[in-house]
Amino acid sequence: MFDRPGSSGERAVLVHLSFHHDQEDLLELKELAKSAGTDPVQVITGSRKAPDSKYFVGTGKLDELKAAVVSQMADVVLFNHSLTPSQERNLETYLGVRVVDRNGLILDIFAQRAQSFEGKLQVELAQLKHLSTRLVRGWTHLERQKGGIGLRGPGETQLETDRRLLALRIKQIQQKLDKVDKQRHQSRHKRKKADIPTVSLVGYTNAGKSTLFNQLTGADIYAADQLFATLDPTLRNCRLSNNNDVVLADTVGFIRHLPHELVAAFKSTLQEASDADLLLHVIDAHSDDRDDIMVQVNKVLTDINADKIRQIEVFNKIDLLDNIKPHIDRDDQGNPIRVWLSAATGAGLELLLQALAEVFTNNKVRKRCHLTASQGDIRGKLFSCTKIIDEHIDDQGGCQLDIEIDVKHLGLLKNVHCEDLP
């Protein structure tokens, strides 16, 4: 076939076709290409009713693409679409350069940005699952059977061996991620037991989530004007104006049609959003297609079962807009639903903290509960959903519990003798 260079900064020809259904965004493809470290030298656009089964593009467009690759001395062709393994193989054979589809491009960016042990495992898992359907591409020697002493007989092709080893590696990574997921679950359970709310920052990539996270928590996580600047989830404590504490979680940015391999691989990371008590949906207020982007983010939230969680929309980057000052929008009941601010300048941050304080008003009371020996089931429930201040067991098997309980759980004390604690 041809050699696949490992260098970065390749010259890339971008391909974007329009169909009569849900479209990808050409500007987004250009940003993805730059984020991957390539130099986009030409864009090929066109329209079709349906993709060609062999080359995805038609024969005329294929010749145009070949001419662009030759004239621009391109190293790679990036498609803003998902290609089948056979389409990638056929295109590479005809064009003589590497062909990468949208999913492969996003996976490459993720591989460059992952820093933590968990993040690297998640990216490798996604890449291996993507690669498992493309092993045959460009590697004809893998179809030969092994030969030699001790290896004759029915045999196993090199391709089958690689697939088996690939499946084994995927299984090993999944086991490690399951262990990480279990640890994250234990951490979330401890936070819920301590009744500390979790607020997850979600939104389109490059909307300013990490900058806002740094401003609110004083953290110093990497933030840059590029797609997927940060991948690894970060959790920090944040003190609100009413002296309540919440845990802020900065999650990976979303994008149109986030590859299924990534949704599956980043399950434990995205779980921080689906298990949150509140979502801060960070939106680039300066973006021309912000309404469409909001729809795309909500689609991803639906995919990870986080669409039912309460949201506050955070319209960020108002410093780039004219005549927009920081303010809070409220619903008919006076509840905050939208905050306009600038994370870069800090304008309006106090309004966001005010909105969070209103959502998480201190509704806890302190009680001293006297439980009999037969009320062990109630004791178990109190341990699971309240903060236990002190416990004393009496000689009859009963106990005295000093607890801090949210008013929404007071129904558990219906048949328990209690008194208020100072």
Protein backbone atom coordinates (compact mmCIF):
# COMPACT_ATOMS: atom_id res chain seq x y z
CA MET A 1 0.00 0.00 0.00
CA PHE A 2 2.06 2.96 1.28
CA ASP A 3 3.97 4.03 4.36
CA ARG A 4 2.07 5.82 7.09
CA PRO A 5 4.28 8.66 8.40
CA GLY A 6 4.18 9.36 12.10
CA SER A 7 5.00 13.05 11.85
CA SER A 8 2.67 15.85 12.85
CA GLY A 9 1.84 19.03 10.98
CA GLU A 10 0.75 17.21 7.81
CA ARG A 11 -0.84 19.07 4.94
CA ALA A 12 -4.51 18.10 4.89
CA VAL A 13 -7.25 18.25 2.27
CA LEU A 14 -10.69 18.50 3.90
CA VAL A 15 -13.80 16.91 2.39
CA HIS A 16 -17.30 18.06 3.31
CA LEU A 17 -20.44 16.83 1.49
CA SER A 18 -24.01 17.96 2.05
CA PHE A 19 -26.86 15.47 2.21
CA HIS A 20 -30.59 15.87 2.76
CA HIS A 21 -30.40 14.99 6.43
CA ASP A 22 -28.62 16.05 9.62
CA GLN A 23 -25.42 17.87 8.62
CA GLU A 24 -22.01 18.27 10.13
CA ASP A 25 -20.51 21.74 10.29
CA LEU A 26 -17.67 22.69 7.92
CA LEU A 27 -16.25 25.29 10.32
CA GLU A 28 -16.14 22.62 13.01
CA LEU A 29 -14.15 20.33 10.67
CA LYS A 30 -11.58 23.09 10.14
CA GLU A 31 -11.24 23.58 13.90
CA LEU A 32 -10.89 19.82 14.44
CA ALA A 33 -8.18 19.66 11.77
CA LYS A 34 -6.23 22.48 13.39
CA SER A 35 -6.67 20.95 16.85
CA ALA A 36 -5.18 17.70 15.51
CA GLY A 37 -2.07 19.60 14.40
CA THR A 38 -2.66 19.46 10.64
CA ASP A 39 -2.43 22.30 8.14
CA PRO A 40 -5.68 22.47 6.09
CA VAL A 41 -4.55 23.45 2.58
CA GLN A 42 -7.77 22.95 0.61
CA VAL A 43 -11.45 22.18 1.17
CA ILE A 44 -13.47 20.02 -1.21
CA THR A 45 -17.23 20.50 -0.92
CA GLY A 46 -20.17 19.00 -2.77
CA SER A 47 -23.66 17.55 -2.40
CA ARG A 48 -25.17 14.13 -2.94
CA LYS A 49 -28.46 12.42 -2.23
CA ALA A 50 -26.61 9.49 -0.62
CA PRO A 51 -22.97 8.39 -0.15
CA ASP A 52 -21.35 6.23 -2.81
CA SER A 53 -20.94 2.70 -1.47
CA LYS A 54 -17.36 2.34 -2.78
CA TYR A 55 -15.72 5.75 -2.42
CA PHE A 56 -18.33 7.76 -0.46
CA VAL A 57 -17.89 10.50 -3.10
CA GLY A 58 -18.82 10.25 -6.76
CA THR A 59 -16.29 9.60 -9.54
CA GLY A 60 -16.14 13.26 -10.57
CA LYS A 61 -15.53 14.43 -7.04
CA LEU A 62 -13.00 11.62 -6.60
CA ASP A 63 -10.94 12.94 -9.54
CA GLU A 64 -11.19 16.47 -8.09
CA LEU A 65 -9.96 15.15 -4.77
CA LYS A 66 -7.05 13.31 -6.42
CA ALA A 67 -6.02 16.49 -8.25
CA ALA A 68 -6.14 18.47 -4.98
CA VAL A 69 -3.96 15.89 -3.22
CA VAL A 70 -1.36 16.05 -6.00
CA SER A 71 -1.36 19.84 -6.48
CA GLN A 72 -1.25 20.59 -2.74
CA MET A 73 1.23 17.76 -1.98
CA ALA A 74 -1.14 16.69 0.79
CA ASP A 75 -0.21 14.04 3.36
CA VAL A 76 -3.72 13.19 4.55
CA VAL A 77 -7.37 13.57 3.54
CA LEU A 78 -9.84 14.32 6.33
CA PHE A 79 -13.52 13.51 5.80
CA ASN A 80 -16.19 15.29 7.83
CA HIS A 81 -18.20 12.06 7.82
CA SER A 82 -18.04 8.50 9.10
CA LEU A 83 -16.55 6.13 6.53
CA THR A 84 -16.83 2.37 6.36
CA PRO A 85 -13.57 0.37 6.50
CA SER A 86 -13.92 -0.54 2.82
CA GLN A 87 -14.50 3.08 1.82
CA GLU A 88 -11.35 4.14 3.69
CA ARG A 89 -9.36 1.33 2.06
CA ASN A 90 -10.63 2.15 -1.43
CA LEU A 91 -9.95 5.86 -1.02
CA GLU A 92 -6.43 5.26 0.27
CA THR A 93 -5.70 2.94 -2.66
CA TYR A 94 -6.90 5.51 -5.18
CA LEU A 95 -5.45 8.64 -3.57
CA GLY A 96 -2.17 7.20 -2.31
CA VAL A 97 -2.37 9.07 1.01
CA ARG A 98 -3.91 8.38 4.40
CA VAL A 99 -7.65 8.91 4.71
CA VAL A 100 -9.12 9.65 8.13
CA ASP A 101 -12.83 10.00 8.83
CA ARG A 102 -14.47 12.23 11.41
CA ASN A 103 -14.41 9.63 14.19
CA GLY A 104 -10.75 8.81 13.60
CA LEU A 105 -9.89 12.53 13.65
CA ILE A 106 -11.61 13.09 17.00
CA LEU A 107 -9.94 9.99 18.43
CA ASP A 108 -6.55 11.33 17.33
CA ILE A 109 -7.18 14.64 19.13
CA PHE A 110 -8.26 12.79 22.26
CA ALA A 111 -5.08 10.70 22.14
CA GLN A 112 -2.97 13.89 22.08
CA ARG A 113 -4.83 15.55 24.97
CA ALA A 114 -5.33 12.72 27.48
CA GLN A 115 -3.05 13.25 30.49
CA SER A 116 -4.33 11.13 33.38
CA PHE A 117 -4.01 7.36 33.67
CA GLU A 118 -7.77 6.99 33.32
CA GLY A 119 -7.96 9.35 30.35
CA LYS A 120 -5.24 7.47 28.47
CA LEU A 121 -7.00 4.16 29.13
CA GLN A 122 -10.29 5.57 27.89
CA VAL A 123 -8.73 6.89 24.69
CA GLU A 124 -6.87 3.62 24.03
CA LEU A 125 -10.10 1.68 24.50
CA ALA A 126 -11.94 3.91 22.04
CA GLN A 127 -9.09 3.66 19.51
CA LEU A 128 -8.89 -0.12 19.76
CA LYS A 129 -12.64 -0.51 19.27
CA HIS A 130 -12.42 1.78 16.25
CA LEU A 131 -9.38 -0.11 14.93
CA SER A 132 -10.96 -3.55 15.39
CA THR A 133 -13.22 -2.92 12.39
CA ARG A 134 -10.32 -1.67 10.26
CA LEU A 135 -7.56 -4.22 10.79
CA VAL A 136 -7.60 -5.35 7.19
CA ARG A 137 -7.01 -1.83 5.87
CA GLY A 138 -3.60 -1.53 4.26
CA TRP A 139 -2.07 -4.63 5.78
CA THR A 140 -2.29 -7.49 3.25
CA HIS A 141 0.48 -9.46 4.94
CA LEU A 142 -1.83 -10.10 7.88
CA GLU A 143 -3.90 -12.45 5.72
CA ARG A 144 -1.06 -14.99 5.40
CA GLN A 145 -1.13 -18.05 7.59
CA LYS A 146 1.73 -18.79 9.91
CA GLY A 147 4.11 -21.50 8.69
CA GLY A 148 7.14 -23.37 9.92
CA ILE A 149 7.85 -26.16 12.37
CA GLY A 150 5.11 -26.49 14.97
CA LEU A 151 2.82 -24.09 13.14
CA ARG A 152 1.50 -26.25 10.30
CA GLY A 153 -2.02 -27.62 10.12
CA PRO A 154 -5.27 -25.68 10.27
CA GLY A 155 -3.24 -22.68 11.38
CA GLU A 156 -4.35 -19.18 12.28
CA THR A 157 -3.95 -16.24 9.94
CA GLN A 158 -1.93 -13.29 11.22
CA LEU A 159 -5.09 -11.21 10.90
CA GLU A 160 -6.97 -13.60 13.20
CA THR A 161 -4.09 -13.49 15.67
CA ASP A 162 -4.11 -9.71 15.72
CA ARG A 163 -7.87 -9.65 16.22
CA ARG A 164 -7.56 -12.08 19.13
CA LEU A 165 -4.78 -10.03 20.75
CA LEU A 166 -6.79 -6.87 20.15
CA ALA A 167 -9.84 -8.38 21.87
CA LEU A 168 -7.63 -9.43 24.80
CA ARG A 169 -6.20 -5.91 25.18
CA ILE A 170 -9.71 -4.41 25.03
CA LYS A 171 -10.81 -6.78 27.79
CA GLN A 172 -7.81 -5.82 29.97
CA ILE A 173 -8.44 -2.09 29.55
CA GLN A 174 -12.14 -2.53 30.27
CA GLN A 175 -11.32 -4.34 33.52
CA LYS A 176 -9.05 -1.47 34.60
CA LEU A 177 -11.70 1.11 33.72
CA ASP A 178 -14.33 -0.88 35.62
CA LYS A 179 -12.08 -0.61 38.68
CA VAL A 180 -11.75 3.16 38.17
CA ASP A 181 -15.51 3.40 37.70
CA LYS A 182 -16.04 1.56 40.99
CA GLN A 183 -13.72 4.03 42.76
CA ARG A 184 -15.61 6.97 41.26
CA HIS A 185 -18.89 5.41 42.35
CA GLN A 186 -17.58 5.14 45.92
CA SER A 187 -16.53 8.81 45.85
CA ARG A 188 -19.97 9.86 44.57
CA HIS A 189 -21.62 7.76 47.29
CA LYS A 190 -19.52 9.47 49.99
CA ARG A 191 -20.51 12.90 48.64
CA LYS A 192 -24.18 11.95 48.63
CA LYS A 193 -23.90 10.53 52.14
CA ALA A 194 -22.36 13.80 53.31
CA ASP A 195 -25.15 15.56 51.39
CA ILE A 196 -22.70 17.64 49.36
CA PRO A 197 -24.34 18.53 46.02
CA THR A 198 -22.44 17.99 42.77
CA VAL A 199 -22.63 20.55 39.98
CA SER A 200 -21.30 19.45 36.58
CA LEU A 201 -20.19 21.89 33.91
CA VAL A 202 -21.32 20.62 30.52
CA GLY A 203 -21.41 22.18 27.11
CA TYR A 204 -19.95 22.32 23.65
CA THR A 205 -16.19 22.04 23.42
CA ASN A 206 -14.46 25.43 23.56
CA ALA A 207 -17.46 27.12 25.22
CA GLY A 208 -15.28 28.21 28.15
CA LYS A 209 -16.04 25.53 30.76
CA SER A 210 -12.47 25.16 32.01
CA THR A 211 -11.97 28.93 32.27
CA LEU A 212 -15.20 29.24 34.27
CA PHE A 213 -14.17 26.27 36.45
CA ASN A 214 -10.82 27.93 37.23
CA GLN A 215 -12.52 31.22 38.11
CA LEU A 216 -15.02 29.58 40.48
CA THR A 217 -12.63 27.21 42.25
CA GLY A 218 -9.20 28.84 41.96
CA ALA A 219 -7.94 25.76 40.13
CA ASP A 220 -5.34 25.93 37.40
CA ILE A 221 -6.46 23.36 34.85
CA TYR A 222 -5.41 23.85 31.24
CA ALA A 223 -7.69 26.11 29.19
CA ALA A 224 -7.12 27.20 25.59
CA ASP A 225 -9.04 28.48 22.58
CA GLN A 226 -9.20 25.11 20.85
CA LEU A 227 -11.45 22.07 20.65
CA PHE A 228 -11.04 19.48 23.42
CA ALA A 229 -8.38 21.49 25.28
CA THR A 230 -8.99 19.32 28.33
CA LEU A 231 -10.30 15.75 28.58
CA ASP A 232 -9.65 14.58 32.10
CA PRO A 233 -12.43 15.31 34.62
CA THR A 234 -11.53 17.57 37.52
CA LEU A 235 -13.49 17.96 40.76
CA ARG A 236 -13.04 20.84 43.19
CA ASN A 237 -14.90 22.18 46.19
CA CYS A 238 -16.69 25.53 45.83
CA ARG A 239 -18.03 27.65 48.70
CA LEU A 240 -21.26 29.53 47.90
CA SER A 241 -22.38 32.88 49.28
CA ASN A 242 -24.68 31.18 51.83
CA ASN A 243 -21.69 29.19 53.18
CA ASN A 244 -22.94 25.95 51.60
CA ASP A 245 -20.39 23.78 49.82
CA VAL A 246 -20.85 22.18 46.41
CA VAL A 247 -18.51 20.04 44.32
CA LEU A 248 -17.89 21.38 40.82
CA ALA A 249 -17.00 18.85 38.11
CA ASP A 250 -15.43 19.94 34.84
CA THR A 251 -16.25 17.36 32.13
CA VAL A 252 -15.12 16.69 28.58
CA GLY A 253 -16.61 19.01 25.98
CA PHE A 254 -19.34 17.74 23.69
CA ILE A 255 -19.46 17.91 19.91
CA ARG A 256 -21.93 17.09 17.14
CA HIS A 257 -22.44 13.34 16.88
CA LEU A 258 -19.87 12.44 19.52
CA PRO A 259 -18.52 9.04 18.35
CA HIS A 260 -20.19 6.10 20.07
CA GLU A 261 -16.76 4.66 20.85
CA LEU A 262 -16.01 7.75 22.92
CA VAL A 263 -19.38 7.79 24.67
CA ALA A 264 -18.79 4.17 25.72
CA ALA A 265 -15.12 4.64 26.65
CA PHE A 266 -15.72 7.82 28.65
CA LYS A 267 -18.64 6.32 30.55
CA SER A 268 -17.11 6.88 33.99
CA THR A 269 -16.15 10.45 33.10
CA LEU A 270 -19.57 11.31 31.71
CA GLN A 271 -21.13 9.66 34.77
CA GLU A 272 -20.17 12.81 36.71
CA ALA A 273 -22.72 14.64 34.56
CA SER A 274 -25.45 12.01 34.67
CA ASP A 275 -25.18 11.70 38.49
CA ALA A 276 -25.00 15.45 39.17
CA ASP A 277 -27.58 17.35 41.20
CA LEU A 278 -27.38 20.30 38.80
CA LEU A 279 -25.92 20.94 35.36
CA LEU A 280 -24.34 24.25 34.38
CA HIS A 281 -24.81 24.28 30.60
CA VAL A 282 -22.02 26.60 29.45
CA ILE A 283 -22.81 28.28 26.11
CA ASP A 284 -20.70 30.51 23.88
CA ALA A 285 -23.02 33.52 23.69
CA HIS A 286 -20.91 34.99 20.89
CA SER A 287 -21.35 31.98 18.58
CA ASP A 288 -23.56 32.55 15.53
CA ASP A 289 -25.07 29.06 15.76
CA ARG A 290 -25.39 28.87 19.53
CA ASP A 291 -29.04 27.71 19.35
CA ASP A 292 -28.11 24.73 17.17
CA ILE A 293 -25.16 23.95 19.43
CA MET A 294 -27.44 23.94 22.47
CA VAL A 295 -29.64 21.38 20.72
CA GLN A 296 -26.59 19.20 19.97
CA VAL A 297 -25.43 19.31 23.61
CA ASN A 298 -28.89 18.33 24.84
CA LYS A 299 -28.85 15.37 22.43
CA VAL A 300 -25.61 14.14 24.02
CA LEU A 301 -27.11 14.65 27.48
CA THR A 302 -30.01 12.45 26.38
CA ASP A 303 -27.54 9.80 25.19
CA ILE A 304 -25.92 9.65 28.65
CA ASN A 305 -29.28 9.79 30.51
CA ALA A 306 -28.64 13.25 31.94
CA ASP A 307 -31.49 15.06 30.16
CA LYS A 308 -33.79 14.98 33.21
CA ILE A 309 -31.35 16.78 35.51
CA ARG A 310 -32.07 20.42 36.29
CA GLN A 311 -30.06 22.89 34.22
CA ILE A 312 -28.94 26.47 34.56
CA GLU A 313 -27.78 27.89 31.25
CA VAL A 314 -24.59 29.95 31.50
CA PHE A 315 -24.23 32.31 28.53
CA ASN A 316 -20.48 32.91 28.54
CA LYS A 317 -18.21 35.34 26.60
CA ILE A 318 -20.57 38.34 26.85
CA ASP A 319 -17.45 40.52 26.75
CA LEU A 320 -17.49 39.82 23.00
CA LEU A 321 -21.06 41.10 22.64
CA ASP A 322 -22.30 44.68 22.48
CA ASN A 323 -24.66 46.13 25.08
CA ILE A 324 -25.01 42.90 27.11
CA LYS A 325 -24.41 43.26 30.83
CA PRO A 326 -24.21 40.45 33.41
CA HIS A 327 -27.68 39.48 34.61
CA ILE A 328 -29.88 36.55 35.70
CA ASP A 329 -32.95 35.38 33.77
CA ARG A 330 -35.71 33.81 35.88
CA ASP A 331 -38.79 31.69 35.23
CA ASP A 332 -42.36 32.57 36.26
CA GLN A 333 -41.69 31.31 39.81
CA GLY A 334 -38.59 33.49 40.16
CA ASN A 335 -36.13 30.57 39.93
CA PRO A 336 -32.83 31.26 38.12
CA ILE A 337 -32.70 29.57 34.70
CA ARG A 338 -29.98 31.53 32.88
CA VAL A 339 -26.93 33.58 33.85
CA TRP A 340 -25.09 35.94 31.48
CA LEU A 341 -21.40 36.41 32.31
CA SER A 342 -17.81 36.44 31.09
CA ALA A 343 -15.51 33.82 32.58
CA ALA A 344 -12.50 35.50 30.97
CA THR A 345 -13.05 38.89 32.66
CA GLY A 346 -14.88 37.63 35.76
CA ALA A 347 -17.92 39.83 35.08
CA GLY A 348 -21.07 38.20 36.43
CA LEU A 349 -19.40 35.42 38.42
CA GLU A 350 -21.02 36.68 41.63
CA LEU A 351 -24.42 36.33 39.93
CA LEU A 352 -23.72 32.68 39.13
CA LEU A 353 -22.71 32.01 42.74
CA GLN A 354 -25.90 33.75 43.83
CA ALA A 355 -27.97 31.53 41.53
CA LEU A 356 -26.27 28.41 42.89
CA ALA A 357 -26.88 29.57 46.45
CA GLU A 358 -30.58 29.98 45.65
CA VAL A 359 -30.75 26.46 44.24
CA PHE A 360 -28.91 24.89 47.14
CA THR A 361 -30.50 26.74 50.03
CA ASN A 362 -29.57 25.29 53.39
CA ASN A 363 -32.57 23.09 54.23
CA LYS A 364 -30.84 20.97 56.86
CA VAL A 365 -31.88 20.57 60.49
CA ARG A 366 -30.15 18.85 63.41
CA LYS A 367 -31.98 16.18 65.40
CA ARG A 368 -31.27 13.81 68.29
CA CYS A 369 -33.04 10.54 67.55
CA HIS A 370 -33.77 7.73 70.01
CA LEU A 371 -34.09 4.39 68.18
CA THR A 372 -35.19 1.12 69.77
CA ALA A 373 -33.52 -2.21 69.04
CA SER A 374 -36.33 -3.05 66.58
CA GLN A 375 -35.73 0.07 64.50
CA GLY A 376 -32.49 -1.08 62.93
CA ASP A 377 -33.93 -0.62 59.41
CA ILE A 378 -34.52 3.09 60.12
CA ARG A 379 -30.97 3.39 61.47
CA GLY A 380 -29.65 1.95 58.20
CA LYS A 381 -31.65 4.44 56.13
CA LEU A 382 -30.44 7.35 58.27
CA PHE A 383 -26.83 6.25 57.77
CA SER A 384 -27.34 6.19 53.99
CA CYS A 385 -28.89 9.64 53.53
CA THR A 386 -27.94 11.83 56.52
CA LYS A 387 -24.81 13.15 58.18
CA ILE A 388 -24.18 11.27 61.43
CA ILE A 389 -22.73 13.58 64.07
CA ASP A 390 -22.60 11.13 66.97
CA GLU A 391 -23.93 7.69 67.97
CA HIS A 392 -24.37 6.08 71.39
CA ILE A 393 -25.57 2.48 71.94
CA ASP A 394 -27.53 1.78 75.14
CA ASP A 395 -27.70 -1.43 77.19
CA GLN A 396 -31.04 -2.48 75.65
CA GLY A 397 -29.66 -2.54 72.09
CA GLY A 398 -31.18 0.79 71.17
CA CYS A 399 -29.19 3.81 70.08
CA GLN A 400 -29.11 7.57 70.25
CA LEU A 401 -28.18 9.28 66.99
CA ASP A 402 -27.26 12.93 66.56
CA ILE A 403 -27.83 13.69 62.89
CA GLU A 404 -27.97 16.52 60.36
CA ILE A 405 -30.81 15.78 57.97
CA ASP A 406 -32.29 17.51 54.94
CA VAL A 407 -35.92 18.50 55.45
CA LYS A 408 -36.88 16.38 52.43
CA HIS A 409 -35.89 13.26 54.43
CA LEU A 410 -37.80 14.12 57.62
CA GLY A 411 -40.40 11.49 56.72
CA LEU A 412 -37.92 8.84 57.86
CA LEU A 413 -38.37 10.11 61.44
CA LYS A 414 -42.14 9.71 61.44
CA ASN A 415 -42.11 6.88 64.03
CA VAL A 416 -38.95 7.95 65.85
CA HIS A 417 -38.73 9.90 69.09
CA CYS A 418 -36.65 13.00 68.25
CA GLU A 419 -35.68 16.35 69.67
CA ASP A 420 -34.00 19.35 68.13
CA LEU A 421 -30.26 19.87 68.53
CA PRO A 422 -28.87 23.38 68.97
